[in-house]
Amino acid sequence: MTCELKARLTQATTDALKQGKKQEVDALRLMLAAIQRQEVDTRSDVDDVMVLAILGKLAKQRRESISHFEKAGRDDLVAQEQFELDLLSTYLPTDLSHAEIDTAIVDAIAAAGADSPKDMGKVMGLLKRSLRGRADMGAVSAKVKAQLT
């Protein structure tokens, strides 16, 4: 199984090395290390879906770090994390709009026949398949909960 996204990251690392872009090389190596860690942990090759999940997790970590560093007044670290987040974003699919997420939630609630908060697991199961990597599932969960109560 080939992993096109991993190959793109490897090629981008090589290109950045040749161009002397140290900050970009460091960020790309962090991404590749996370992918390799997943391969070692699972003892199998990753596919593009898994790579997107890994990159999504890294992006979420960067967003959280940025907010913590801003609160601490560490502008130097904010700039580094923002650079890494911007680079990660070039490899991630674009996030869905609020309207698209709301439509997906309404459709999932109807498909699951959900009418109370106890049906939230069914709805989230459906949404997880269709929205993974394209929406913050924590925010989606809060919206589903609000609609079911």
N, C-alpha and C. Protein backbone atom coordinates (compact mmCIF):
# COMPACT_ATOMS: atom_id res chain seq x y z
N MET A 1 0.86 -1.18 0.00
CA MET A 1 0.00 0.00 0.00
C MET A 1 0.90 1.24 0.00
N THR A 2 0.68 2.12 -0.92
CA THR A 2 1.49 3.33 -1.00
C THR A 2 0.82 4.45 -0.22
N CYS A 3 1.64 5.30 0.31
CA CYS A 3 1.13 6.43 1.07
C CYS A 3 1.63 7.71 0.39
N GLU A 4 0.76 8.27 -0.41
CA GLU A 4 1.12 9.44 -1.21
C GLU A 4 1.49 10.63 -0.33
N LEU A 5 0.76 10.82 0.75
CA LEU A 5 1.00 11.96 1.63
C LEU A 5 2.36 11.86 2.32
N LYS A 6 2.71 10.66 2.76
CA LYS A 6 4.02 10.47 3.39
C LYS A 6 5.13 10.74 2.38
N ALA A 7 4.94 10.30 1.15
CA ALA A 7 5.93 10.55 0.10
C ALA A 7 6.07 12.05 -0.17
N ARG A 8 4.94 12.77 -0.16
CA ARG A 8 4.99 14.23 -0.36
C ARG A 8 5.77 14.90 0.77
N LEU A 9 5.56 14.45 2.01
CA LEU A 9 6.27 15.02 3.15
C LEU A 9 7.77 14.74 3.04
N THR A 10 8.12 13.54 2.64
CA THR A 10 9.53 13.18 2.48
C THR A 10 10.18 14.03 1.39
N GLN A 11 9.48 14.21 0.29
CA GLN A 11 10.01 15.03 -0.81
C GLN A 11 10.13 16.49 -0.38
N ALA A 12 9.15 16.99 0.37
CA ALA A 12 9.20 18.37 0.85
C ALA A 12 10.38 18.56 1.80
N THR A 13 10.67 17.55 2.61
CA THR A 13 11.82 17.63 3.51
C THR A 13 13.12 17.71 2.72
N THR A 14 13.24 16.88 1.71
CA THR A 14 14.44 16.90 0.86
C THR A 14 14.60 18.25 0.18
N ASP A 15 13.50 18.77 -0.36
CA ASP A 15 13.56 20.08 -1.03
C ASP A 15 13.94 21.19 -0.07
N ALA A 16 13.37 21.17 1.14
CA ALA A 16 13.68 22.19 2.13
C ALA A 16 15.13 22.11 2.57
N LEU A 17 15.65 20.88 2.68
CA LEU A 17 17.07 20.70 3.02
C LEU A 17 17.96 21.33 1.96
N LYS A 18 17.64 21.07 0.70
CA LYS A 18 18.43 21.60 -0.41
C LYS A 18 18.40 23.12 -0.45
N GLN A 19 17.26 23.70 -0.03
CA GLN A 19 17.10 25.15 -0.07
C GLN A 19 17.59 25.82 1.22
N GLY A 20 17.99 25.03 2.21
CA GLY A 20 18.51 25.59 3.45
C GLY A 20 17.46 26.18 4.36
N LYS A 21 16.25 25.69 4.30
CA LYS A 21 15.16 26.19 5.14
C LYS A 21 15.10 25.36 6.43
N LYS A 22 15.91 25.74 7.41
CA LYS A 22 16.06 24.95 8.63
C LYS A 22 14.75 24.81 9.41
N GLN A 23 14.02 25.89 9.58
CA GLN A 23 12.78 25.85 10.36
C GLN A 23 11.77 24.91 9.69
N GLU A 24 11.68 24.96 8.39
CA GLU A 24 10.76 24.09 7.66
C GLU A 24 11.20 22.63 7.74
N VAL A 25 12.50 22.39 7.63
CA VAL A 25 13.03 21.03 7.74
C VAL A 25 12.69 20.45 9.11
N ASP A 26 12.90 21.24 10.16
CA ASP A 26 12.61 20.77 11.52
C ASP A 26 11.13 20.40 11.67
N ALA A 27 10.25 21.24 11.16
CA ALA A 27 8.81 20.98 11.27
C ALA A 27 8.42 19.73 10.48
N LEU A 28 8.95 19.59 9.28
CA LEU A 28 8.64 18.42 8.46
C LEU A 28 9.18 17.14 9.10
N ARG A 29 10.34 17.22 9.70
CA ARG A 29 10.90 16.05 10.38
C ARG A 29 10.04 15.64 11.57
N LEU A 30 9.48 16.62 12.27
CA LEU A 30 8.56 16.30 13.37
C LEU A 30 7.35 15.53 12.86
N MET A 31 6.82 15.96 11.72
CA MET A 31 5.67 15.27 11.13
C MET A 31 6.04 13.84 10.74
N LEU A 32 7.18 13.69 10.07
CA LEU A 32 7.61 12.35 9.64
C LEU A 32 7.92 11.46 10.84
N ALA A 33 8.46 12.04 11.92
CA ALA A 33 8.74 11.25 13.12
C ALA A 33 7.44 10.74 13.75
N ALA A 34 6.41 11.57 13.76
CA ALA A 34 5.12 11.14 14.31
C ALA A 34 4.53 10.01 13.47
N ILE A 35 4.69 10.10 12.17
CA ILE A 35 4.19 9.05 11.27
C ILE A 35 4.97 7.76 11.51
N GLN A 36 6.29 7.89 11.60
CA GLN A 36 7.13 6.71 11.83
C GLN A 36 6.83 6.07 13.19
N ARG A 37 6.57 6.89 14.20
CA ARG A 37 6.21 6.38 15.53
C ARG A 37 4.94 5.54 15.44
N GLN A 38 3.97 6.00 14.67
CA GLN A 38 2.73 5.25 14.48
C GLN A 38 2.99 3.92 13.78
N GLU A 39 3.87 3.95 12.78
CA GLU A 39 4.21 2.72 12.06
C GLU A 39 4.87 1.70 12.99
N VAL A 40 5.76 2.18 13.85
CA VAL A 40 6.44 1.29 14.80
C VAL A 40 5.44 0.75 15.82
N ASP A 41 4.59 1.62 16.33
CA ASP A 41 3.61 1.20 17.34
C ASP A 41 2.65 0.16 16.81
N THR A 42 2.19 0.34 15.58
CA THR A 42 1.22 -0.60 15.01
C THR A 42 1.87 -1.73 14.22
N ARG A 43 3.18 -1.62 14.01
CA ARG A 43 3.94 -2.62 13.24
C ARG A 43 3.35 -2.84 11.84
N SER A 44 2.92 -1.75 11.25
CA SER A 44 2.39 -1.80 9.88
C SER A 44 2.59 -0.44 9.22
N ASP A 45 2.50 -0.45 7.90
CA ASP A 45 2.61 0.81 7.17
C ASP A 45 1.34 1.61 7.35
N VAL A 46 1.49 2.93 7.33
CA VAL A 46 0.32 3.79 7.44
C VAL A 46 -0.20 4.12 6.05
N ASP A 47 -1.50 4.42 5.99
CA ASP A 47 -2.09 4.88 4.73
C ASP A 47 -2.40 6.36 4.87
N ASP A 48 -2.91 6.95 3.80
CA ASP A 48 -3.17 8.40 3.81
C ASP A 48 -4.17 8.80 4.89
N VAL A 49 -5.16 7.96 5.16
CA VAL A 49 -6.16 8.28 6.18
C VAL A 49 -5.49 8.38 7.55
N MET A 50 -4.61 7.43 7.84
CA MET A 50 -3.90 7.46 9.12
C MET A 50 -2.96 8.66 9.21
N VAL A 51 -2.31 8.99 8.10
CA VAL A 51 -1.41 10.15 8.09
C VAL A 51 -2.21 11.42 8.35
N LEU A 52 -3.37 11.54 7.74
CA LEU A 52 -4.22 12.71 7.99
C LEU A 52 -4.63 12.79 9.45
N ALA A 53 -4.94 11.65 10.06
CA ALA A 53 -5.31 11.63 11.48
C ALA A 53 -4.12 12.08 12.34
N ILE A 54 -2.94 11.61 12.00
CA ILE A 54 -1.73 11.99 12.75
C ILE A 54 -1.47 13.49 12.60
N LEU A 55 -1.55 13.99 11.37
CA LEU A 55 -1.32 15.42 11.14
C LEU A 55 -2.39 16.26 11.81
N GLY A 56 -3.62 15.77 11.83
CA GLY A 56 -4.70 16.48 12.52
C GLY A 56 -4.42 16.59 14.01
N LYS A 57 -3.91 15.50 14.59
CA LYS A 57 -3.57 15.51 16.01
C LYS A 57 -2.44 16.50 16.28
N LEU A 58 -1.44 16.52 15.40
CA LEU A 58 -0.34 17.47 15.56
C LEU A 58 -0.84 18.91 15.45
N ALA A 59 -1.76 19.17 14.53
CA ALA A 59 -2.31 20.52 14.38
C ALA A 59 -3.07 20.93 15.64
N LYS A 60 -3.83 20.00 16.19
CA LYS A 60 -4.58 20.29 17.42
C LYS A 60 -3.61 20.62 18.56
N GLN A 61 -2.52 19.87 18.66
CA GLN A 61 -1.51 20.15 19.68
C GLN A 61 -0.91 21.54 19.49
N ARG A 62 -0.66 21.91 18.24
CA ARG A 62 -0.09 23.23 17.96
C ARG A 62 -1.06 24.34 18.37
N ARG A 63 -2.35 24.16 18.06
CA ARG A 63 -3.35 25.18 18.44
C ARG A 63 -3.40 25.34 19.96
N GLU A 64 -3.37 24.22 20.68
CA GLU A 64 -3.39 24.28 22.15
C GLU A 64 -2.13 24.95 22.68
N SER A 65 -0.98 24.62 22.10
CA SER A 65 0.28 25.22 22.53
C SER A 65 0.28 26.72 22.30
N ILE A 66 -0.25 27.13 21.16
CA ILE A 66 -0.31 28.56 20.85
C ILE A 66 -1.11 29.30 21.91
N SER A 67 -2.26 28.76 22.29
CA SER A 67 -3.08 29.45 23.30
C SER A 67 -2.36 29.50 24.65
N HIS A 68 -1.66 28.43 25.02
CA HIS A 68 -0.92 28.43 26.29
C HIS A 68 0.25 29.41 26.25
N PHE A 69 0.97 29.45 25.14
CA PHE A 69 2.11 30.35 25.03
C PHE A 69 1.65 31.81 24.99
N GLU A 70 0.50 32.07 24.37
CA GLU A 70 -0.02 33.44 24.35
C GLU A 70 -0.36 33.90 25.76
N LYS A 71 -0.97 33.01 26.54
CA LYS A 71 -1.30 33.35 27.93
C LYS A 71 -0.05 33.63 28.75
N ALA A 72 1.03 32.92 28.44
CA ALA A 72 2.29 33.08 29.17
C ALA A 72 3.14 34.22 28.62
N GLY A 73 2.70 34.84 27.51
CA GLY A 73 3.44 35.95 26.93
C GLY A 73 4.71 35.53 26.21
N ARG A 74 4.74 34.30 25.70
CA ARG A 74 5.92 33.79 25.00
C ARG A 74 5.73 33.92 23.50
N ASP A 75 5.92 35.14 22.99
CA ASP A 75 5.69 35.41 21.58
C ASP A 75 6.64 34.65 20.66
N ASP A 76 7.87 34.38 21.14
CA ASP A 76 8.82 33.63 20.32
C ASP A 76 8.31 32.21 20.07
N LEU A 77 7.78 31.57 21.10
CA LEU A 77 7.26 30.22 20.95
C LEU A 77 5.94 30.21 20.18
N VAL A 78 5.16 31.27 20.33
CA VAL A 78 3.92 31.38 19.55
C VAL A 78 4.25 31.42 18.07
N ALA A 79 5.27 32.19 17.70
CA ALA A 79 5.66 32.30 16.29
C ALA A 79 6.11 30.94 15.74
N GLN A 80 6.89 30.19 16.52
CA GLN A 80 7.36 28.87 16.08
C GLN A 80 6.18 27.92 15.89
N GLU A 81 5.29 27.87 16.87
CA GLU A 81 4.13 26.97 16.79
C GLU A 81 3.21 27.37 15.64
N GLN A 82 3.05 28.68 15.42
CA GLN A 82 2.20 29.15 14.33
C GLN A 82 2.79 28.76 12.98
N PHE A 83 4.11 28.85 12.86
CA PHE A 83 4.77 28.43 11.63
C PHE A 83 4.50 26.95 11.37
N GLU A 84 4.66 26.12 12.41
CA GLU A 84 4.42 24.68 12.26
C GLU A 84 2.96 24.40 11.92
N LEU A 85 2.04 25.13 12.55
CA LEU A 85 0.61 24.95 12.27
C LEU A 85 0.30 25.33 10.82
N ASP A 86 0.87 26.42 10.35
CA ASP A 86 0.65 26.84 8.96
C ASP A 86 1.17 25.78 7.99
N LEU A 87 2.33 25.22 8.30
CA LEU A 87 2.91 24.18 7.44
C LEU A 87 2.04 22.92 7.48
N LEU A 88 1.58 22.54 8.66
CA LEU A 88 0.69 21.38 8.78
C LEU A 88 -0.58 21.59 7.97
N SER A 89 -1.10 22.80 8.01
CA SER A 89 -2.36 23.11 7.33
C SER A 89 -2.27 22.91 5.82
N THR A 90 -1.07 23.03 5.27
CA THR A 90 -0.94 22.84 3.82
C THR A 90 -1.14 21.38 3.43
N TYR A 91 -0.99 20.47 4.37
CA TYR A 91 -1.14 19.04 4.08
C TYR A 91 -2.49 18.48 4.54
N LEU A 92 -3.23 19.27 5.28
CA LEU A 92 -4.54 18.82 5.78
C LEU A 92 -5.65 19.31 4.85
N PRO A 93 -6.75 18.54 4.76
CA PRO A 93 -7.88 19.03 3.97
C PRO A 93 -8.50 20.24 4.67
N THR A 94 -9.16 21.07 3.90
CA THR A 94 -9.78 22.26 4.49
C THR A 94 -10.92 21.85 5.41
N ASP A 95 -11.07 22.60 6.49
CA ASP A 95 -12.15 22.32 7.43
C ASP A 95 -13.49 22.67 6.81
N LEU A 96 -14.51 21.96 7.25
CA LEU A 96 -15.87 22.24 6.79
C LEU A 96 -16.38 23.53 7.43
N SER A 97 -17.28 24.20 6.77
CA SER A 97 -17.88 25.41 7.33
C SER A 97 -18.88 25.01 8.41
N HIS A 98 -19.29 25.99 9.21
CA HIS A 98 -20.27 25.73 10.27
C HIS A 98 -21.59 25.23 9.67
N ALA A 99 -21.97 25.78 8.54
CA ALA A 99 -23.22 25.36 7.89
C ALA A 99 -23.14 23.91 7.44
N GLU A 100 -22.00 23.52 6.87
CA GLU A 100 -21.83 22.13 6.42
C GLU A 100 -21.84 21.16 7.60
N ILE A 101 -21.23 21.57 8.70
CA ILE A 101 -21.23 20.73 9.90
C ILE A 101 -22.64 20.60 10.45
N ASP A 102 -23.37 21.73 10.51
CA ASP A 102 -24.75 21.69 11.01
C ASP A 102 -25.62 20.79 10.15
N THR A 103 -25.45 20.84 8.84
CA THR A 103 -26.21 19.98 7.93
C THR A 103 -25.88 18.52 8.19
N ALA A 104 -24.59 18.21 8.37
CA ALA A 104 -24.18 16.83 8.63
C ALA A 104 -24.77 16.34 9.95
N ILE A 105 -24.84 17.21 10.95
CA ILE A 105 -25.41 16.83 12.25
C ILE A 105 -26.89 16.52 12.12
N VAL A 106 -27.62 17.38 11.43
CA VAL A 106 -29.06 17.16 11.24
C VAL A 106 -29.29 15.85 10.49
N ASP A 107 -28.51 15.60 9.45
CA ASP A 107 -28.64 14.36 8.68
C ASP A 107 -28.33 13.13 9.55
N ALA A 108 -27.29 13.22 10.37
CA ALA A 108 -26.91 12.09 11.22
C ALA A 108 -27.96 11.82 12.29
N ILE A 109 -28.54 12.88 12.85
CA ILE A 109 -29.59 12.70 13.85
C ILE A 109 -30.79 12.02 13.22
N ALA A 110 -31.14 12.43 12.01
CA ALA A 110 -32.26 11.80 11.31
C ALA A 110 -31.95 10.35 10.97
N ALA A 111 -30.74 10.08 10.50
CA ALA A 111 -30.36 8.71 10.11
C ALA A 111 -30.33 7.77 11.32
N ALA A 112 -29.91 8.29 12.46
CA ALA A 112 -29.84 7.46 13.67
C ALA A 112 -31.19 7.38 14.37
N GLY A 113 -32.13 8.22 13.99
CA GLY A 113 -33.42 8.25 14.66
C GLY A 113 -33.29 8.73 16.10
N ALA A 114 -32.32 9.60 16.33
CA ALA A 114 -32.04 10.07 17.68
C ALA A 114 -33.04 11.14 18.11
N ASP A 115 -33.45 11.04 19.38
CA ASP A 115 -34.38 12.05 19.91
C ASP A 115 -34.06 12.44 21.34
N SER A 116 -33.00 11.87 21.91
CA SER A 116 -32.61 12.23 23.28
C SER A 116 -31.10 12.12 23.42
N PRO A 117 -30.56 12.71 24.47
CA PRO A 117 -29.10 12.67 24.67
C PRO A 117 -28.53 11.25 24.78
N LYS A 118 -29.36 10.28 25.15
CA LYS A 118 -28.83 8.91 25.27
C LYS A 118 -28.50 8.31 23.90
N ASP A 119 -29.00 8.92 22.82
CA ASP A 119 -28.70 8.46 21.46
C ASP A 119 -27.46 9.14 20.87
N MET A 120 -26.77 9.92 21.69
CA MET A 120 -25.64 10.70 21.19
C MET A 120 -24.53 9.81 20.62
N GLY A 121 -24.31 8.66 21.21
CA GLY A 121 -23.26 7.75 20.74
C GLY A 121 -23.50 7.30 19.31
N LYS A 122 -24.76 7.00 18.98
CA LYS A 122 -25.10 6.57 17.62
C LYS A 122 -24.81 7.70 16.63
N VAL A 123 -25.22 8.91 17.00
CA VAL A 123 -25.04 10.06 16.12
C VAL A 123 -23.55 10.35 15.92
N MET A 124 -22.80 10.34 17.01
CA MET A 124 -21.36 10.63 16.92
C MET A 124 -20.63 9.56 16.11
N GLY A 125 -21.09 8.32 16.21
CA GLY A 125 -20.49 7.25 15.41
C GLY A 125 -20.63 7.52 13.93
N LEU A 126 -21.83 7.96 13.53
CA LEU A 126 -22.06 8.29 12.12
C LEU A 126 -21.23 9.50 11.69
N LEU A 127 -21.19 10.51 12.55
CA LEU A 127 -20.47 11.73 12.21
C LEU A 127 -18.96 11.52 12.16
N LYS A 128 -18.47 10.65 13.03
CA LYS A 128 -17.03 10.41 13.08
C LYS A 128 -16.52 9.89 11.74
N ARG A 129 -17.30 9.02 11.13
CA ARG A 129 -16.90 8.47 9.84
C ARG A 129 -16.85 9.54 8.75
N SER A 130 -17.82 10.43 8.76
CA SER A 130 -17.91 11.40 7.66
C SER A 130 -17.13 12.69 7.90
N LEU A 131 -16.89 13.05 9.16
CA LEU A 131 -16.25 14.34 9.44
C LEU A 131 -14.81 14.24 9.92
N ARG A 132 -14.33 13.05 10.19
CA ARG A 132 -12.99 12.90 10.75
C ARG A 132 -11.95 13.61 9.89
N GLY A 133 -11.15 14.43 10.55
CA GLY A 133 -10.09 15.15 9.85
C GLY A 133 -10.54 16.44 9.20
N ARG A 134 -11.85 16.66 9.15
CA ARG A 134 -12.34 17.87 8.48
C ARG A 134 -13.11 18.78 9.43
N ALA A 135 -13.22 18.36 10.70
CA ALA A 135 -13.91 19.17 11.69
C ALA A 135 -13.40 18.81 13.08
N ASP A 136 -13.45 19.75 13.99
CA ASP A 136 -13.08 19.50 15.38
C ASP A 136 -14.20 18.71 16.03
N MET A 137 -13.93 17.44 16.34
CA MET A 137 -14.98 16.56 16.84
C MET A 137 -15.48 16.98 18.22
N GLY A 138 -14.67 17.70 18.98
CA GLY A 138 -15.11 18.21 20.27
C GLY A 138 -16.23 19.24 20.09
N ALA A 139 -16.04 20.13 19.13
CA ALA A 139 -17.06 21.14 18.84
C ALA A 139 -18.31 20.48 18.24
N VAL A 140 -18.10 19.47 17.40
CA VAL A 140 -19.23 18.75 16.81
C VAL A 140 -20.04 18.08 17.91
N SER A 141 -19.34 17.47 18.86
CA SER A 141 -20.01 16.79 19.97
C SER A 141 -20.87 17.77 20.78
N ALA A 142 -20.34 18.96 21.02
CA ALA A 142 -21.10 19.97 21.77
C ALA A 142 -22.35 20.38 21.00
N LYS A 143 -22.24 20.52 19.68
CA LYS A 143 -23.40 20.90 18.87
C LYS A 143 -24.45 19.79 18.86
N VAL A 144 -24.00 18.53 18.77
CA VAL A 144 -24.94 17.41 18.79
C VAL A 144 -25.67 17.38 20.12
N LYS A 145 -24.93 17.54 21.20
CA LYS A 145 -25.52 17.52 22.54
C LYS A 145 -26.57 18.62 22.68
N ALA A 146 -26.25 19.81 22.16
CA ALA A 146 -27.19 20.93 22.24
C ALA A 146 -28.47 20.64 21.45
N GLN A 147 -28.34 19.98 20.30
CA GLN A 147 -29.52 19.69 19.49
C GLN A 147 -30.37 18.57 20.07
N LEU A 148 -29.74 17.66 20.81
CA LEU A 148 -30.49 16.53 21.36
C LEU A 148 -31.14 16.84 22.70
N THR A 149 -30.78 17.95 23.32
CA THR A 149 -31.40 18.28 24.61
C THR A 149 -32.52 19.27 24.46
